Amino acid sequence: MNLSGRVAVVTGASGHVGQAVSRALGSHGASLVLISRETAALESLRAELPESAPVIALAGDVTDEASVAAMMERVHAEMGGPHLLLNVVGGYAGGKRLPELDLATWERMLTLNVTSAFLCCKYALPYMLAQDYGRIVNVSSKGALDPSPGSAAYSVSKAAVSALTTALARELRGTNVSVAAVMPGTIDTPPNRQAMPKADPSKWVTPEEVAAVMVMLCAEEAGPMNGAIVPVFGGA
């Protein structure tokens, strides 16, 4: 796959999956816009990427509408595009069943996992539609289909990402812009290993495996997959 000439925006680029996605995109020649609130991690990642691929690292909050609008405007002005949008930013909160679940946690999950994707899609789409090309990849979760007790806020937010993907795909029919989502199972990261020390991580999916599917959905040939929600469950 050759992504040379494509400008890819990666949100949550400093996280484990975000870093894997950024490396994979860079290896295929994409120009990168890395977005995170963790500036030190962004600069460290930037130093690892191929020198041949232009990279911009932006510190920003993708849950803030004005910030997202300004970032997309800057991306277009400085690099063109964006052609690819990978909404990797997200988070997990669990452990409380519904009667004990506080409103702040509920709202945080919806804001971090759904509102971020909504805003980035909203402000990237006008550029994609104007240039008659775009690929958007969102991140849902297996938990959207199979929620575990104590994970209502997270599971509902990820189900909403799936619904957002489906709704947007229908709006994009007849254009050369498509949207899809990946639906990972448990991802093998240090925080997950620490949180579940008795689990068998060999059954989990790696960040690199998730990244490979996301980058595949960025290909020009992936246009007909508009609306797809792809399971990436690993061995679970």
C-alpha atoms as a PDB file:
ATOM      1  CA  MET A   1       0.000   0.000   0.000  1.00  0.00           C
ATOM      2  CA  ASN A   2       1.300   3.432  -0.934  1.00  0.00           C
ATOM      3  CA  LEU A   3      -0.086   6.395   1.029  1.00  0.00           C
ATOM      4  CA  SER A   4       2.370   8.939  -0.350  1.00  0.00           C
ATOM      5  CA  GLY A   5       0.670  12.274  -0.893  1.00  0.00           C
ATOM      6  CA  ARG A   6      -1.999  11.520   1.719  1.00  0.00           C
ATOM      7  CA  VAL A   7      -2.222  13.646   4.853  1.00  0.00           C
ATOM      8  CA  ALA A   8      -3.283  11.544   7.843  1.00  0.00           C
ATOM      9  CA  VAL A   9      -4.593  13.044  11.084  1.00  0.00           C
ATOM     10  CA  VAL A  10      -4.159  10.731  14.075  1.00  0.00           C
ATOM     11  CA  THR A  11      -5.858  11.691  17.326  1.00  0.00           C
ATOM     12  CA  GLY A  12      -4.616  10.166  20.554  1.00  0.00           C
ATOM     13  CA  ALA A  13      -1.296   9.686  18.798  1.00  0.00           C
ATOM     14  CA  SER A  14       0.695   9.395  22.030  1.00  0.00           C
ATOM     15  CA  GLY A  15      -1.215   6.322  23.250  1.00  0.00           C
ATOM     16  CA  HIS A  16      -0.194   2.725  22.600  1.00  0.00           C
ATOM     17  CA  VAL A  17      -2.555   2.248  19.650  1.00  0.00           C
ATOM     18  CA  GLY A  18      -1.999   5.804  18.408  1.00  0.00           C
ATOM     19  CA  GLN A  19       1.745   5.256  18.266  1.00  0.00           C
ATOM     20  CA  ALA A  20       1.324   1.965  16.403  1.00  0.00           C
ATOM     21  CA  VAL A  21      -1.061   3.590  13.921  1.00  0.00           C
ATOM     22  CA  SER A  22       1.325   6.509  13.369  1.00  0.00           C
ATOM     23  CA  ARG A  23       4.286   4.206  12.730  1.00  0.00           C
ATOM     24  CA  ALA A  24       2.261   2.093  10.312  1.00  0.00           C
ATOM     25  CA  LEU A  25       1.020   5.112   8.374  1.00  0.00           C
ATOM     26  CA  GLY A  26       4.527   6.554   8.212  1.00  0.00           C
ATOM     27  CA  SER A  27       5.901   3.258   6.891  1.00  0.00           C
ATOM     28  CA  HIS A  28       3.415   3.509   4.011  1.00  0.00           C
ATOM     29  CA  GLY A  29       4.488   7.052   3.138  1.00  0.00           C
ATOM     30  CA  ALA A  30       1.689   9.146   4.606  1.00  0.00           C
ATOM     31  CA  SER A  31       2.303  12.663   5.857  1.00  0.00           C
ATOM     32  CA  LEU A  32       1.314  12.761   9.514  1.00  0.00           C
ATOM     33  CA  VAL A  33      -0.481  15.119  11.832  1.00  0.00           C
ATOM     34  CA  LEU A  34      -0.132  13.768  15.360  1.00  0.00           C
ATOM     35  CA  ILE A  35      -2.595  15.138  17.914  1.00  0.00           C
ATOM     36  CA  SER A  36      -2.424  14.635  21.662  1.00  0.00           C
ATOM     37  CA  ARG A  37      -2.335  16.551  24.918  1.00  0.00           C
ATOM     38  CA  GLU A  38       0.907  14.716  25.802  1.00  0.00           C
ATOM     39  CA  THR A  39       3.452  16.902  24.026  1.00  0.00           C
ATOM     40  CA  ALA A  40       6.569  15.125  25.311  1.00  0.00           C
ATOM     41  CA  ALA A  41       5.285  11.763  24.070  1.00  0.00           C
ATOM     42  CA  LEU A  42       4.451  13.300  20.696  1.00  0.00           C
ATOM     43  CA  GLU A  43       7.957  14.625  20.240  1.00  0.00           C
ATOM     44  CA  SER A  44       9.431  11.256  21.209  1.00  0.00           C
ATOM     45  CA  LEU A  45       7.219   9.518  18.652  1.00  0.00           C
ATOM     46  CA  ARG A  46       8.043  12.095  16.013  1.00  0.00           C
ATOM     47  CA  ALA A  47      11.752  11.301  16.410  1.00  0.00           C
ATOM     48  CA  GLU A  48      11.086   7.626  15.610  1.00  0.00           C
ATOM     49  CA  LEU A  49       9.201   8.195  12.361  1.00  0.00           C
ATOM     50  CA  PRO A  50      10.754   8.036   8.879  1.00  0.00           C
ATOM     51  CA  GLU A  51      12.416  11.292   7.894  1.00  0.00           C
ATOM     52  CA  SER A  52      10.869  11.016   4.433  1.00  0.00           C
ATOM     53  CA  ALA A  53       7.347  11.588   5.790  1.00  0.00           C
ATOM     54  CA  PRO A  54       6.436  15.150   6.826  1.00  0.00           C
ATOM     55  CA  VAL A  55       5.164  15.270  10.408  1.00  0.00           C
ATOM     56  CA  ILE A  56       3.359  17.930  12.416  1.00  0.00           C
ATOM     57  CA  ALA A  57       2.800  17.377  16.142  1.00  0.00           C
ATOM     58  CA  LEU A  58      -0.130  19.339  17.573  1.00  0.00           C
ATOM     59  CA  ALA A  59      -1.007  19.679  21.229  1.00  0.00           C
ATOM     60  CA  GLY A  60      -4.754  19.984  21.368  1.00  0.00           C
ATOM     61  CA  ASP A  61      -8.008  18.910  22.953  1.00  0.00           C
ATOM     62  CA  VAL A  62     -10.219  17.006  20.512  1.00  0.00           C
ATOM     63  CA  THR A  63     -13.203  17.317  22.849  1.00  0.00           C
ATOM     64  CA  ASP A  64     -13.193  21.115  22.427  1.00  0.00           C
ATOM     65  CA  GLU A  65     -14.989  22.316  19.302  1.00  0.00           C
ATOM     66  CA  ALA A  66     -13.019  25.519  18.760  1.00  0.00           C
ATOM     67  CA  SER A  67      -9.740  23.625  19.176  1.00  0.00           C
ATOM     68  CA  VAL A  68     -10.725  20.954  16.655  1.00  0.00           C
ATOM     69  CA  ALA A  69     -11.885  23.528  14.101  1.00  0.00           C
ATOM     70  CA  ALA A  70      -8.614  25.436  14.428  1.00  0.00           C
ATOM     71  CA  MET A  71      -6.490  22.290  14.143  1.00  0.00           C
ATOM     72  CA  MET A  72      -8.220  21.092  10.968  1.00  0.00           C
ATOM     73  CA  GLU A  73      -7.905  24.560   9.455  1.00  0.00           C
ATOM     74  CA  ARG A  74      -4.185  24.586  10.256  1.00  0.00           C
ATOM     75  CA  VAL A  75      -3.698  21.105   8.810  1.00  0.00           C
ATOM     76  CA  HIS A  76      -5.333  22.132   5.555  1.00  0.00           C
ATOM     77  CA  ALA A  77      -3.400  25.392   5.327  1.00  0.00           C
ATOM     78  CA  GLU A  78       0.030  23.869   6.046  1.00  0.00           C
ATOM     79  CA  MET A  79      -0.180  20.386   4.554  1.00  0.00           C
ATOM     80  CA  GLY A  80      -3.312  20.136   2.436  1.00  0.00           C
ATOM     81  CA  GLY A  81      -5.983  17.561   2.979  1.00  0.00           C
ATOM     82  CA  PRO A  82      -6.714  16.076   5.402  1.00  0.00           C
ATOM     83  CA  HIS A  83      -7.220  12.906   3.386  1.00  0.00           C
ATOM     84  CA  LEU A  84      -7.230  10.402   6.266  1.00  0.00           C
ATOM     85  CA  LEU A  85      -8.661  10.776   9.771  1.00  0.00           C
ATOM     86  CA  LEU A  86      -8.003   8.143  12.408  1.00  0.00           C
ATOM     87  CA  ASN A  87      -9.975   8.812  15.577  1.00  0.00           C
ATOM     88  CA  VAL A  88      -7.877   6.813  18.018  1.00  0.00           C
ATOM     89  CA  VAL A  89      -8.326   8.966  21.113  1.00  0.00           C
ATOM     90  CA  GLY A  90     -10.442   7.350  23.801  1.00  0.00           C
ATOM     91  CA  GLY A  91     -10.486   5.988  27.296  1.00  0.00           C
ATOM     92  CA  TYR A  92     -11.935   3.402  29.636  1.00  0.00           C
ATOM     93  CA  ALA A  93     -13.655   3.688  32.997  1.00  0.00           C
ATOM     94  CA  GLY A  94     -15.211   0.702  34.711  1.00  0.00           C
ATOM     95  CA  GLY A  95     -15.768  -1.067  37.979  1.00  0.00           C
ATOM     96  CA  LYS A  96     -19.003   0.605  39.037  1.00  0.00           C
ATOM     97  CA  ARG A  97     -22.405  -0.872  38.408  1.00  0.00           C
ATOM     98  CA  LEU A  98     -25.128   1.490  37.297  1.00  0.00           C
ATOM     99  CA  PRO A  99     -26.553   2.483  40.713  1.00  0.00           C
ATOM    100  CA  GLU A 100     -23.053   3.534  41.826  1.00  0.00           C
ATOM    101  CA  LEU A 101     -22.010   5.092  38.514  1.00  0.00           C
ATOM    102  CA  ASP A 102     -21.497   8.833  38.870  1.00  0.00           C
ATOM    103  CA  LEU A 103     -22.675  11.291  36.237  1.00  0.00           C
ATOM    104  CA  ALA A 104     -19.173  12.728  35.787  1.00  0.00           C
ATOM    105  CA  THR A 105     -17.794   9.335  34.700  1.00  0.00           C
ATOM    106  CA  TRP A 106     -20.758   8.760  32.379  1.00  0.00           C
ATOM    107  CA  GLU A 107     -20.276  12.142  30.712  1.00  0.00           C
ATOM    108  CA  ARG A 108     -16.490  11.727  30.526  1.00  0.00           C
ATOM    109  CA  MET A 109     -16.818   8.452  28.631  1.00  0.00           C
ATOM    110  CA  LEU A 110     -19.293   9.935  26.166  1.00  0.00           C
ATOM    111  CA  THR A 111     -17.172  13.042  25.661  1.00  0.00           C
ATOM    112  CA  LEU A 112     -13.854  11.254  25.286  1.00  0.00           C
ATOM    113  CA  ASN A 113     -15.032   8.385  23.103  1.00  0.00           C
ATOM    114  CA  VAL A 114     -17.920   9.825  21.078  1.00  0.00           C
ATOM    115  CA  THR A 115     -17.809  13.615  21.104  1.00  0.00           C
ATOM    116  CA  SER A 116     -14.141  13.585  20.085  1.00  0.00           C
ATOM    117  CA  ALA A 117     -14.921  11.458  17.023  1.00  0.00           C
ATOM    118  CA  PHE A 118     -17.977  13.558  16.168  1.00  0.00           C
ATOM    119  CA  LEU A 119     -16.044  16.830  16.289  1.00  0.00           C
ATOM    120  CA  CYS A 120     -13.085  15.564  14.291  1.00  0.00           C
ATOM    121  CA  CYS A 121     -15.376  14.112  11.624  1.00  0.00           C
ATOM    122  CA  LYS A 122     -17.428  17.311  11.523  1.00  0.00           C
ATOM    123  CA  TYR A 123     -14.430  19.546  10.875  1.00  0.00           C
ATOM    124  CA  ALA A 124     -12.421  17.205   8.618  1.00  0.00           C
ATOM    125  CA  LEU A 125     -15.336  16.330   6.338  1.00  0.00           C
ATOM    126  CA  PRO A 126     -15.719  19.694   4.550  1.00  0.00           C
ATOM    127  CA  TYR A 127     -12.116  19.436   3.316  1.00  0.00           C
ATOM    128  CA  MET A 128     -12.548  15.787   2.318  1.00  0.00           C
ATOM    129  CA  LEU A 129     -15.770  16.437   0.432  1.00  0.00           C
ATOM    130  CA  ALA A 130     -14.302  19.476  -1.326  1.00  0.00           C
ATOM    131  CA  GLN A 131     -11.331  17.435  -2.569  1.00  0.00           C
ATOM    132  CA  ASP A 132     -13.569  14.434  -3.364  1.00  0.00           C
ATOM    133  CA  TYR A 133     -11.486  12.027  -1.288  1.00  0.00           C
ATOM    134  CA  GLY A 134     -11.318  10.909   2.300  1.00  0.00           C
ATOM    135  CA  ARG A 135     -11.092   7.923   4.600  1.00  0.00           C
ATOM    136  CA  ILE A 136     -12.211   8.054   8.248  1.00  0.00           C
ATOM    137  CA  VAL A 137     -11.533   5.249  10.713  1.00  0.00           C
ATOM    138  CA  ASN A 138     -13.128   5.238  14.163  1.00  0.00           C
ATOM    139  CA  VAL A 139     -12.466   2.960  17.148  1.00  0.00           C
ATOM    140  CA  SER A 140     -15.390   1.114  18.706  1.00  0.00           C
ATOM    141  CA  SER A 141     -14.933  -1.885  21.015  1.00  0.00           C
ATOM    142  CA  LYS A 142     -16.022  -5.479  21.498  1.00  0.00           C
ATOM    143  CA  GLY A 143     -17.569  -4.128  24.687  1.00  0.00           C
ATOM    144  CA  ALA A 144     -20.176  -2.391  22.543  1.00  0.00           C
ATOM    145  CA  LEU A 145     -21.529  -5.846  21.675  1.00  0.00           C
ATOM    146  CA  ASP A 146     -20.687  -7.722  24.858  1.00  0.00           C
ATOM    147  CA  PRO A 147     -20.634  -5.334  27.807  1.00  0.00           C
ATOM    148  CA  SER A 148     -19.297  -6.644  31.078  1.00  0.00           C
ATOM    149  CA  PRO A 149     -20.860  -5.714  34.442  1.00  0.00           C
ATOM    150  CA  GLY A 150     -19.577  -2.382  35.661  1.00  0.00           C
ATOM    151  CA  SER A 151     -18.717  -1.032  32.211  1.00  0.00           C
ATOM    152  CA  ALA A 152     -21.987   0.633  31.200  1.00  0.00           C
ATOM    153  CA  ALA A 153     -20.567   4.094  30.502  1.00  0.00           C
ATOM    154  CA  TYR A 154     -17.712   2.745  28.401  1.00  0.00           C
ATOM    155  CA  SER A 155     -19.810   0.196  26.515  1.00  0.00           C
ATOM    156  CA  VAL A 156     -22.565   2.688  25.722  1.00  0.00           C
ATOM    157  CA  SER A 157     -20.021   5.218  24.471  1.00  0.00           C
ATOM    158  CA  LYS A 158     -18.404   2.659  22.169  1.00  0.00           C
ATOM    159  CA  ALA A 159     -21.806   1.501  20.902  1.00  0.00           C
ATOM    160  CA  ALA A 160     -22.428   5.148  20.075  1.00  0.00           C
ATOM    161  CA  VAL A 161     -19.192   5.220  18.052  1.00  0.00           C
ATOM    162  CA  SER A 162     -20.512   2.280  16.020  1.00  0.00           C
ATOM    163  CA  ALA A 163     -23.838   4.066  15.498  1.00  0.00           C
ATOM    164  CA  LEU A 164     -22.060   7.285  14.513  1.00  0.00           C
ATOM    165  CA  THR A 165     -20.031   5.335  11.955  1.00  0.00           C
ATOM    166  CA  THR A 166     -23.139   3.748  10.444  1.00  0.00           C
ATOM    167  CA  ALA A 167     -25.070   7.017  10.330  1.00  0.00           C
ATOM    168  CA  LEU A 168     -22.211   8.914   8.734  1.00  0.00           C
ATOM    169  CA  ALA A 169     -21.608   6.153   6.189  1.00  0.00           C
ATOM    170  CA  ARG A 170     -25.151   6.545   4.951  1.00  0.00           C
ATOM    171  CA  GLU A 171     -24.697  10.295   4.625  1.00  0.00           C
ATOM    172  CA  LEU A 172     -21.533   9.735   2.592  1.00  0.00           C
ATOM    173  CA  ARG A 173     -23.048   7.395   0.024  1.00  0.00           C
ATOM    174  CA  GLY A 174     -22.336   8.583  -3.502  1.00  0.00           C
ATOM    175  CA  THR A 175     -19.150  10.410  -2.502  1.00  0.00           C
ATOM    176  CA  ASN A 176     -15.515   9.341  -2.563  1.00  0.00           C
ATOM    177  CA  VAL A 177     -15.323   9.744   1.212  1.00  0.00           C
ATOM    178  CA  SER A 178     -15.878   6.674   3.364  1.00  0.00           C
ATOM    179  CA  VAL A 179     -15.982   5.874   7.051  1.00  0.00           C
ATOM    180  CA  ALA A 180     -15.408   2.604   8.885  1.00  0.00           C
ATOM    181  CA  ALA A 181     -14.563   1.478  12.396  1.00  0.00           C
ATOM    182  CA  VAL A 182     -12.518  -1.187  14.085  1.00  0.00           C
ATOM    183  CA  MET A 183     -13.910  -3.068  17.055  1.00  0.00           C
ATOM    184  CA  PRO A 184     -10.978  -4.371  19.142  1.00  0.00           C
ATOM    185  CA  GLY A 185     -11.189  -6.822  21.967  1.00  0.00           C
ATOM    186  CA  THR A 186      -8.862  -6.345  24.927  1.00  0.00           C
ATOM    187  CA  ILE A 187      -5.656  -4.710  23.701  1.00  0.00           C
ATOM    188  CA  ASP A 188      -2.320  -5.928  25.014  1.00  0.00           C
ATOM    189  CA  THR A 189      -0.928  -2.813  26.673  1.00  0.00           C
ATOM    190  CA  PRO A 190       1.011  -2.348  29.923  1.00  0.00           C
ATOM    191  CA  PRO A 191      -1.971  -0.697  31.663  1.00  0.00           C
ATOM    192  CA  ASN A 192      -4.254  -3.610  30.730  1.00  0.00           C
ATOM    193  CA  ARG A 193      -1.699  -6.159  31.934  1.00  0.00           C
ATOM    194  CA  GLN A 194      -1.421  -4.282  35.209  1.00  0.00           C
ATOM    195  CA  ALA A 195      -5.195  -4.040  35.605  1.00  0.00           C
ATOM    196  CA  MET A 196      -5.752  -7.748  34.800  1.00  0.00           C
ATOM    197  CA  PRO A 197      -2.694  -9.596  36.138  1.00  0.00           C
ATOM    198  CA  LYS A 198      -4.438 -13.006  36.097  1.00  0.00           C
ATOM    199  CA  ALA A 199      -5.623 -12.751  32.495  1.00  0.00           C
ATOM    200  CA  ASP A 200      -3.926 -14.468  29.554  1.00  0.00           C
ATOM    201  CA  PRO A 201      -2.606 -11.687  27.276  1.00  0.00           C
ATOM    202  CA  SER A 202      -1.850 -14.213  24.527  1.00  0.00           C
ATOM    203  CA  LYS A 203      -5.579 -14.054  23.776  1.00  0.00           C
ATOM    204  CA  TRP A 204      -5.549 -10.291  23.416  1.00  0.00           C
ATOM    205  CA  VAL A 205      -4.992  -8.226  20.294  1.00  0.00           C
ATOM    206  CA  THR A 206      -1.808  -6.155  19.992  1.00  0.00           C
ATOM    207  CA  PRO A 207      -1.699  -2.438  19.174  1.00  0.00           C
ATOM    208  CA  GLU A 208       0.150  -3.329  15.976  1.00  0.00           C
ATOM    209  CA  GLU A 209      -2.634  -5.688  14.891  1.00  0.00           C
ATOM    210  CA  VAL A 210      -5.261  -3.015  15.490  1.00  0.00           C
ATOM    211  CA  ALA A 211      -3.109  -0.504  13.611  1.00  0.00           C
ATOM    212  CA  ALA A 212      -2.714  -2.818  10.621  1.00  0.00           C
ATOM    213  CA  VAL A 213      -6.481  -3.084  10.182  1.00  0.00           C
ATOM    214  CA  MET A 214      -6.969   0.656  10.608  1.00  0.00           C
ATOM    215  CA  VAL A 215      -4.347   1.434   7.987  1.00  0.00           C
ATOM    216  CA  MET A 216      -5.902  -1.112   5.615  1.00  0.00           C
ATOM    217  CA  LEU A 217      -9.160   0.839   5.920  1.00  0.00           C
ATOM    218  CA  CYS A 218      -7.279   3.972   4.822  1.00  0.00           C
ATOM    219  CA  ALA A 219      -6.458   2.525   1.412  1.00  0.00           C
ATOM    220  CA  GLU A 220      -8.076   3.899  -1.709  1.00  0.00           C
ATOM    221  CA  GLU A 221      -9.389   0.400  -2.368  1.00  0.00           C
ATOM    222  CA  ALA A 222     -11.230   0.439   0.979  1.00  0.00           C
ATOM    223  CA  GLY A 223     -13.857   2.879  -0.296  1.00  0.00           C
ATOM    224  CA  PRO A 224     -16.464   0.136  -0.837  1.00  0.00           C
ATOM    225  CA  MET A 225     -16.105  -0.776   2.857  1.00  0.00           C
ATOM    226  CA  ASN A 226     -18.021   2.385   3.758  1.00  0.00           C
ATOM    227  CA  GLY A 227     -19.913   1.666   6.976  1.00  0.00           C
ATOM    228  CA  ALA A 228     -17.953  -1.468   7.878  1.00  0.00           C
ATOM    229  CA  ILE A 229     -17.347  -2.176  11.551  1.00  0.00           C
ATOM    230  CA  VAL A 230     -14.476  -4.640  11.614  1.00  0.00           C
ATOM    231  CA  PRO A 231     -13.935  -7.014  14.567  1.00  0.00           C
ATOM    232  CA  VAL A 232     -10.333  -7.218  15.752  1.00  0.00           C
ATOM    233  CA  PHE A 233     -10.738  -9.594  18.673  1.00  0.00           C
ATOM    234  CA  GLY A 234      -7.394 -11.389  18.674  1.00  0.00           C
ATOM    235  CA  GLY A 235      -7.575 -14.870  20.174  1.00  0.00           C
ATOM    236  CA  ALA A 236     -10.328 -14.053  22.680  1.00  0.00           C
END
